[in-house]
Protein backbone atom coordinates (compact mmCIF):
# COMPACT_ATOMS: atom_id res chain seq x y z
CA MET A 1 21.91 16.17 -0.20
CA ALA A 2 19.48 14.06 1.09
CA PRO A 3 19.96 9.85 0.81
CA ALA A 4 17.69 9.79 -1.87
CA ASP A 5 19.63 12.33 -4.30
CA ILE A 6 22.73 10.70 -3.06
CA VAL A 7 21.44 7.42 -4.18
CA ALA A 8 19.92 8.41 -7.66
CA ASP A 9 23.18 10.15 -8.36
CA ALA A 10 25.18 6.93 -7.44
CA PRO A 11 27.12 6.72 -10.73
CA HIS A 12 29.05 10.53 -9.37
CA ALA A 13 28.95 9.79 -5.97
CA ASP A 14 31.66 8.50 -3.81
CA THR A 15 30.66 3.85 -3.42
CA ALA A 16 31.66 4.94 0.30
CA GLU A 17 28.90 7.63 0.52
CA VAL A 18 26.63 5.46 -1.08
CA LEU A 19 27.10 1.89 0.94
CA ASP A 20 26.62 4.28 4.05
CA MET A 21 23.49 5.79 3.23
CA ILE A 22 21.62 2.07 2.67
CA PRO A 23 20.94 2.09 6.74
CA VAL A 24 19.40 5.31 6.59
CA LEU A 25 17.22 4.45 3.32
CA ARG A 26 16.10 1.33 5.36
CA GLU A 27 14.98 3.31 8.18
CA GLN A 28 13.08 5.14 5.96
CA ILE A 29 11.65 2.11 4.27
CA ASP A 30 10.69 0.39 7.59
CA ALA A 31 9.05 4.00 8.37
CA LEU A 32 6.77 4.13 5.08
CA ASP A 33 5.99 0.32 5.74
CA ALA A 34 5.14 0.91 9.07
CA ALA A 35 2.58 3.38 7.95
CA ILE A 36 1.47 1.09 5.14
CA ILE A 37 0.23 -1.49 7.54
CA ARG A 38 -1.58 1.45 9.79
CA LEU A 39 -3.57 2.72 7.18
CA VAL A 40 -4.12 -0.94 5.94
CA ALA A 41 -5.37 -1.89 9.63
CA GLU A 42 -7.18 1.61 9.14
CA ARG A 43 -9.05 0.54 6.03
CA VAL A 44 -9.46 -2.66 7.58
CA ARG A 45 -12.02 -1.38 9.89
CA VAL A 46 -13.81 0.89 7.75
CA SER A 47 -14.26 -1.98 5.48
CA LYS A 48 -16.02 -3.83 8.08
CA ARG A 49 -17.88 -1.44 9.15
CA ILE A 50 -19.47 -1.09 5.43
CA GLN A 51 -19.61 -4.70 5.18
CA THR A 52 -21.77 -5.26 8.65
CA ALA A 53 -24.12 -2.28 7.24
CA ARG A 54 -24.13 -3.93 3.65
CA VAL A 55 -25.23 -7.36 5.31
CA ASN A 56 -27.66 -5.57 7.65
CA SER A 57 -29.33 -4.20 5.09
CA GLY A 58 -29.55 -7.54 3.25
CA GLY A 59 -27.02 -6.63 0.74
CA ALA A 60 -24.07 -9.12 -0.01
CA ARG A 61 -20.95 -8.70 2.34
CA VAL A 62 -18.33 -7.80 -0.60
CA GLU A 63 -19.55 -5.23 -3.72
CA LEU A 64 -17.23 -6.95 -7.00
CA GLY A 65 -17.85 -3.40 -8.85
CA ARG A 66 -16.87 -0.90 -6.51
CA GLU A 67 -13.73 -3.57 -5.75
CA ARG A 68 -13.44 -2.90 -9.57
CA VAL A 69 -13.27 0.73 -8.85
CA VAL A 70 -10.39 0.09 -6.28
CA LEU A 71 -8.46 -2.13 -8.52
CA GLY A 72 -8.70 0.65 -11.39
CA SER A 73 -7.45 3.36 -9.17
CA TYR A 74 -4.40 1.45 -7.76
CA ARG A 75 -3.83 0.73 -11.60
CA ASP A 76 -4.21 4.07 -12.46
CA GLY A 77 -1.66 5.60 -9.52
CA LEU A 78 0.75 2.85 -9.85
CA GLY A 79 0.62 0.96 -13.11
CA PRO A 80 0.23 -2.39 -14.22
CA ALA A 81 1.58 -3.73 -10.87
CA GLY A 82 -0.91 -1.51 -9.25
CA PRO A 83 -4.19 -4.27 -9.63
CA THR A 84 -1.69 -7.01 -7.62
CA LEU A 85 -1.32 -4.91 -4.50
CA ALA A 86 -5.09 -3.87 -4.67
CA GLU A 87 -6.03 -7.44 -4.69
CA ALA A 88 -3.85 -7.92 -1.61
CA VAL A 89 -5.25 -5.15 0.19
CA LEU A 90 -8.89 -6.21 -1.13
CA GLN A 91 -8.13 -9.53 0.62
CA VAL A 92 -7.29 -8.40 3.61
CA CYS A 93 -10.01 -6.03 4.44
CA ARG A 94 -12.57 -9.19 2.94
CA GLY A 95 -11.83 -10.68 6.19
CA SER A 96 -13.08 -14.44 6.43
CA ARG A 97 -16.36 -15.40 5.00
């Protein structure tokens, strides 16, 4: 049985077994967090390239219409809390003004 399955079935699992799985589950979360950090760092690099290209062609550094699309995408994918995460990602990717 996978760690997530044991915890999901916690009312029927042995308490000691569930507690033993917590470190394994935390390792999974740590790995996911590391992957998210790598992906956001890559998004920052791509976003800076777009911002530079836009500014060099006479445009604005930030395109609010595009940001609305991103917010909607996160809402669609993650529900009502999605835009909060999207705003944090967008803030990191905007960089300093």
